[in-house]
Amino acid sequence: MRARALASSQTRLRPWRASGFAITETELALPRIDKAHDGLRVAQISDIHVGAATSSARIASAIEAINLGEPDLVFLTGDYVTHSELPIRRIPDLLAGIRAKTFCVLGNHDHWVAPARVAKALASCGYQVLQNEHQTLKVRGAPLTVVGVDDGLTGQDDVDQALKGAPARGTRLVLAHTPPTAEKLPANAGLVQFSGHTHGGQFVLPGVTRAIFKLAGQPYVRGLYKVNGNLLYVNRGLGFGAGGPLLRLGSHPEVAFFTLRHRDK
């Protein structure tokens, strides 16, 4: 397995009012992206953790920021709840309203709580939940495939099943909650995987946090990586508060935007 982090200079940050998150902008360049999709815009949020740990105002502001950014596609990459089923009933009210075509995958907390109920709540928003499956749609006149791999931490992932019957070329974008799923993708296949799970380290101590995550089998903590010839982006997540045991340090919550770029070689 070969992986390396890509320079953080590829990502630009800007604050979003006083809502407690940053907006990042990243270009994703790969030769297998269809030329018709050069300039295509994607937005991603992850690890929302609806409930007491994350303010409703922050979630509402994130949805507003996504709509103002006018992406072509939106990806939600897991952990909509934390430990209780009670917040599931709030998902339709808090997460509905994204105007772009939206795809979702589940995370480990969703599987620990009530995966079928979480998936149903997301579907009620008009969003498509992918569990080891894919969908190919026409965007700008060319096929684009969204692959959703279920959560790896809970053993629900099946990359082969998710890719079964999918186009072997063209623009193929992968959603998977846990970043190490990228190691299971076909090598040098021109794929881009969007993940979360790590909260960007949550409480970042230089030289310590990354070492701990690596020991725990999570070597991909935040930002853009190249893994076996494919790209991986690890979103810092939207959820958890700013004080007490839910403190974030050095890892600001994130709403991520991406611009796809076709690269000739």
Protein backbone atom coordinates (compact mmCIF):
# COMPACT_ATOMS: atom_id res chain seq x y z
CA MET A 1 0.00 0.00 0.00
CA ARG A 2 1.35 3.39 -0.98
CA ALA A 3 -0.08 6.59 0.47
CA ARG A 4 1.09 10.13 0.89
CA ALA A 5 -0.46 13.34 2.10
CA LEU A 6 -0.71 16.07 -0.50
CA ALA A 7 0.29 19.65 0.17
CA SER A 8 -2.17 21.62 2.27
CA SER A 9 -1.65 24.58 -0.04
CA GLN A 10 -4.12 22.91 -2.38
CA THR A 11 -6.86 23.81 0.11
CA ARG A 12 -8.01 27.35 0.83
CA LEU A 13 -10.06 28.17 3.92
CA ARG A 14 -12.55 30.93 4.60
CA PRO A 15 -14.75 31.41 7.68
CA TRP A 16 -18.55 31.22 7.54
CA ARG A 17 -20.01 33.93 9.74
CA ALA A 18 -19.99 32.94 13.40
CA SER A 19 -21.43 29.48 12.84
CA GLY A 20 -18.43 27.57 14.08
CA PHE A 21 -17.08 26.06 10.88
CA ALA A 22 -14.70 26.86 8.03
CA ILE A 23 -15.36 26.43 4.33
CA THR A 24 -12.56 24.75 2.40
CA GLU A 25 -11.96 24.80 -1.35
CA THR A 26 -9.93 22.00 -2.98
CA GLU A 27 -9.18 21.10 -6.60
CA LEU A 28 -9.18 17.40 -7.48
CA ALA A 29 -7.28 16.64 -10.69
CA LEU A 30 -7.21 13.19 -12.28
CA PRO A 31 -6.78 12.02 -15.90
CA ARG A 32 -9.82 9.74 -15.82
CA ILE A 33 -12.28 12.48 -14.95
CA ASP A 34 -14.42 13.04 -18.04
CA LYS A 35 -13.54 16.27 -19.82
CA ALA A 36 -17.20 17.25 -19.63
CA HIS A 37 -16.87 17.34 -15.85
CA ASP A 38 -13.92 19.69 -15.74
CA GLY A 39 -15.02 22.44 -13.34
CA LEU A 40 -17.81 20.35 -11.76
CA ARG A 41 -18.48 21.41 -8.17
CA VAL A 42 -19.05 19.01 -5.26
CA ALA A 43 -19.82 19.86 -1.63
CA GLN A 44 -19.32 17.54 1.36
CA ILE A 45 -20.23 17.51 5.03
CA SER A 46 -19.56 14.65 7.40
CA ASP A 47 -19.94 13.57 11.03
CA ILE A 48 -22.88 15.85 11.77
CA HIS A 49 -23.82 14.09 15.05
CA VAL A 50 -27.28 15.58 15.36
CA GLY A 51 -28.10 16.13 19.03
CA ALA A 52 -26.77 17.97 22.04
CA ALA A 53 -23.17 17.67 20.80
CA THR A 54 -23.78 19.83 17.71
CA SER A 55 -25.87 23.00 17.62
CA SER A 56 -28.85 23.09 15.29
CA ALA A 57 -27.76 26.59 14.23
CA ARG A 58 -24.44 25.25 12.96
CA ILE A 59 -26.17 22.53 10.94
CA ALA A 60 -28.68 25.00 9.46
CA SER A 61 -25.86 27.39 8.55
CA ALA A 62 -23.94 24.57 6.88
CA ILE A 63 -26.94 23.70 4.70
CA GLU A 64 -27.28 27.40 3.83
CA ALA A 65 -23.58 27.62 2.95
CA ILE A 66 -23.86 24.57 0.69
CA ASN A 67 -26.82 26.04 -1.19
CA LEU A 68 -25.11 29.41 -1.59
CA GLY A 69 -22.09 27.60 -3.06
CA GLU A 70 -24.33 26.10 -5.77
CA PRO A 71 -22.57 22.73 -6.12
CA ASP A 72 -23.56 20.24 -8.79
CA LEU A 73 -23.53 17.37 -6.27
CA VAL A 74 -23.53 17.06 -2.48
CA PHE A 75 -22.10 14.19 -0.43
CA LEU A 76 -22.96 13.37 3.19
CA THR A 77 -20.45 10.86 4.55
CA GLY A 78 -21.84 9.38 7.73
CA ASP A 79 -22.35 9.65 11.50
CA TYR A 80 -25.60 11.59 11.56
CA VAL A 81 -26.24 10.48 15.17
CA THR A 82 -24.00 9.47 18.07
CA HIS A 83 -25.29 7.12 20.79
CA SER A 84 -29.07 7.56 20.89
CA GLU A 85 -31.98 7.00 18.52
CA LEU A 86 -33.75 10.14 19.75
CA PRO A 87 -32.03 12.58 17.35
CA ILE A 88 -33.05 10.50 14.31
CA ARG A 89 -36.45 12.18 14.26
CA ARG A 90 -34.71 15.56 13.90
CA ILE A 91 -32.75 14.57 10.77
CA PRO A 92 -35.50 15.49 8.27
CA ASP A 93 -35.96 18.95 9.79
CA LEU A 94 -32.26 19.76 10.16
CA LEU A 95 -30.76 18.21 7.01
CA ALA A 96 -33.52 18.69 4.45
CA GLY A 97 -33.33 21.54 1.99
CA ILE A 98 -30.13 20.86 0.05
CA ARG A 99 -31.01 21.90 -3.48
CA ALA A 100 -28.40 19.86 -5.38
CA LYS A 101 -28.57 16.12 -5.99
CA THR A 102 -27.42 14.57 -2.71
CA PHE A 103 -25.91 11.16 -1.94
CA CYS A 104 -25.26 9.67 1.52
CA VAL A 105 -23.45 6.79 3.19
CA LEU A 106 -23.75 5.63 6.79
CA GLY A 107 -21.06 5.77 9.46
CA ASN A 108 -20.09 3.59 12.40
CA HIS A 109 -22.28 5.48 14.88
CA ASP A 110 -25.28 5.12 12.58
CA HIS A 111 -24.74 1.37 12.50
CA TRP A 112 -24.30 1.20 16.27
CA VAL A 113 -27.57 3.12 16.80
CA ALA A 114 -30.19 2.24 14.16
CA PRO A 115 -28.96 2.08 10.55
CA ALA A 116 -32.32 1.38 8.92
CA ARG A 117 -33.97 4.30 10.74
CA VAL A 118 -31.14 6.68 9.89
CA ALA A 119 -31.26 5.65 6.22
CA LYS A 120 -35.04 6.14 6.14
CA ALA A 121 -34.73 9.61 7.69
CA LEU A 122 -32.15 10.63 5.06
CA ALA A 123 -34.30 9.22 2.26
CA SER A 124 -37.24 11.28 3.54
CA CYS A 125 -35.16 14.38 2.75
CA GLY A 126 -35.03 13.28 -0.89
CA TYR A 127 -31.42 12.10 -0.61
CA GLN A 128 -30.10 8.81 -1.95
CA VAL A 129 -28.46 6.48 0.55
CA LEU A 130 -25.91 4.12 -1.01
CA GLN A 131 -24.97 0.96 0.87
CA ASN A 132 -22.37 -0.99 -1.12
CA GLU A 133 -23.95 0.13 -4.37
CA HIS A 134 -23.55 2.77 -7.03
CA GLN A 135 -25.59 5.03 -9.25
CA THR A 136 -24.64 6.36 -12.66
CA LEU A 137 -26.29 9.58 -13.78
CA LYS A 138 -25.81 11.99 -16.64
CA VAL A 139 -24.18 15.27 -15.67
CA ARG A 140 -23.35 17.83 -18.35
CA GLY A 141 -24.18 15.20 -20.94
CA ALA A 142 -21.63 12.65 -19.70
CA PRO A 143 -22.02 9.69 -17.32
CA LEU A 144 -20.88 10.19 -13.72
CA THR A 145 -20.87 7.33 -11.24
CA VAL A 146 -21.27 7.78 -7.49
CA VAL A 147 -20.14 4.73 -5.51
CA GLY A 148 -21.24 4.35 -1.91
CA VAL A 149 -19.24 1.94 0.25
CA ASP A 150 -20.79 1.14 3.62
CA ASP A 151 -18.92 1.64 6.90
CA GLY A 152 -15.65 -0.23 7.29
CA LEU A 153 -15.22 0.09 11.06
CA THR A 154 -18.35 -1.97 11.68
CA GLY A 155 -17.48 -4.44 8.92
CA GLN A 156 -20.30 -3.38 6.62
CA ASP A 157 -18.06 -2.40 3.70
CA ASP A 158 -17.97 -4.39 0.46
CA VAL A 159 -16.01 -2.57 -2.23
CA ASP A 160 -16.43 -5.33 -4.82
CA GLN A 161 -20.22 -5.27 -4.42
CA ALA A 162 -20.31 -1.48 -4.56
CA LEU A 163 -18.36 -1.46 -7.85
CA LYS A 164 -20.11 -4.46 -9.40
CA GLY A 165 -21.46 -3.43 -12.78
CA ALA A 166 -20.10 0.12 -12.50
CA PRO A 167 -18.38 1.73 -15.51
CA ALA A 168 -14.66 0.96 -15.64
CA ARG A 169 -13.75 4.46 -16.80
CA GLY A 170 -14.95 8.03 -16.71
CA THR A 171 -15.78 10.09 -13.64
CA ARG A 172 -16.24 7.82 -10.61
CA LEU A 173 -16.58 9.35 -7.16
CA VAL A 174 -16.53 7.18 -4.02
CA LEU A 175 -18.22 7.86 -0.68
CA ALA A 176 -17.00 5.91 2.35
CA HIS A 177 -17.19 7.01 5.97
CA THR A 178 -13.89 5.49 7.09
CA PRO A 179 -10.77 6.70 5.22
CA PRO A 180 -8.88 3.34 5.13
CA THR A 181 -11.52 2.06 2.70
CA ALA A 182 -9.35 3.82 0.09
CA GLU A 183 -6.79 1.03 0.51
CA LYS A 184 -9.38 -1.48 -0.75
CA LEU A 185 -10.15 0.37 -3.98
CA PRO A 186 -8.63 -0.80 -7.29
CA ALA A 187 -5.18 0.79 -7.58
CA ASN A 188 -4.50 3.56 -10.11
CA ALA A 189 -8.14 3.57 -11.14
CA GLY A 190 -8.61 7.35 -11.27
CA LEU A 191 -10.98 7.29 -8.30
CA VAL A 192 -11.66 10.02 -5.74
CA GLN A 193 -12.88 8.93 -2.29
CA PHE A 194 -14.65 11.30 0.11
CA SER A 195 -14.52 10.32 3.79
CA GLY A 196 -14.86 11.64 7.33
CA HIS A 197 -14.83 9.77 10.65
CA THR A 198 -11.67 11.28 12.20
CA HIS A 199 -12.98 14.79 12.96
CA GLY A 200 -9.61 15.88 11.66
CA GLY A 201 -8.05 14.59 14.83
CA GLN A 202 -10.62 16.36 17.07
CA PHE A 203 -8.00 17.43 19.65
CA VAL A 204 -4.78 18.00 17.76
CA LEU A 205 -1.40 17.90 19.47
CA PRO A 206 1.47 18.25 16.98
CA GLY A 207 3.34 14.99 16.53
CA VAL A 208 1.04 13.16 18.93
CA THR A 209 -2.42 13.05 17.37
CA ARG A 210 -1.30 11.61 14.03
CA ALA A 211 0.83 8.98 15.79
CA ILE A 212 -2.15 7.89 17.89
CA PHE A 213 -4.44 7.69 14.87
CA LYS A 214 -1.85 5.69 12.94
CA LEU A 215 -1.55 3.19 15.80
CA ALA A 216 -5.34 2.90 15.76
CA GLY A 217 -5.31 2.00 12.05
CA GLN A 218 -6.37 5.46 10.86
CA PRO A 219 -3.31 6.95 9.12
CA TYR A 220 -5.47 9.43 7.19
CA VAL A 221 -6.50 12.18 9.59
CA ARG A 222 -7.46 15.23 7.54
CA GLY A 223 -7.16 16.74 4.09
CA LEU A 224 -6.00 15.33 0.77
CA TYR A 225 -4.01 12.12 0.27
CA LYS A 226 -2.91 9.95 -2.62
CA VAL A 227 -3.53 6.28 -1.86
CA ASN A 228 -2.48 3.59 -4.32
CA GLY A 229 -2.78 6.02 -7.20
CA ASN A 230 -6.26 7.29 -6.23
CA LEU A 231 -7.22 10.43 -4.32
CA LEU A 232 -8.69 10.50 -0.81
CA TYR A 233 -10.10 13.51 0.99
CA VAL A 234 -10.75 13.29 4.75
CA ASN A 235 -13.28 15.87 5.91
CA ARG A 236 -12.86 17.27 9.44
CA GLY A 237 -16.57 16.86 10.10
CA LEU A 238 -19.22 19.31 11.23
CA GLY A 239 -20.19 17.91 14.60
CA PHE A 240 -19.27 18.28 18.25
CA GLY A 241 -19.08 21.44 20.26
CA ALA A 242 -16.47 23.84 21.54
CA GLY A 243 -16.22 23.02 25.23
CA GLY A 244 -15.99 20.33 27.88
CA PRO A 245 -15.32 16.75 26.81
CA LEU A 246 -16.37 17.63 23.26
CA LEU A 247 -13.59 20.17 22.82
CA ARG A 248 -12.02 20.62 19.40
CA LEU A 249 -8.49 21.91 19.31
CA GLY A 250 -6.64 22.62 16.07
CA SER A 251 -9.35 20.96 13.99
CA HIS A 252 -12.09 23.39 13.04
CA PRO A 253 -15.40 21.93 11.79
CA GLU A 254 -15.61 21.93 8.02
CA VAL A 255 -17.90 22.37 5.04
CA ALA A 256 -15.83 21.26 2.05
CA PHE A 257 -16.15 22.27 -1.59
CA PHE A 258 -14.30 20.61 -4.45
CA THR A 259 -13.72 21.45 -8.11
CA LEU A 260 -13.06 18.51 -10.41
CA ARG A 261 -10.32 18.99 -12.98
CA HIS A 262 -9.51 16.81 -15.96
CA ARG A 263 -5.79 16.21 -16.23
CA ASP A 264 -4.33 15.04 -19.56
CA LYS A 265 -1.70 12.80 -17.97
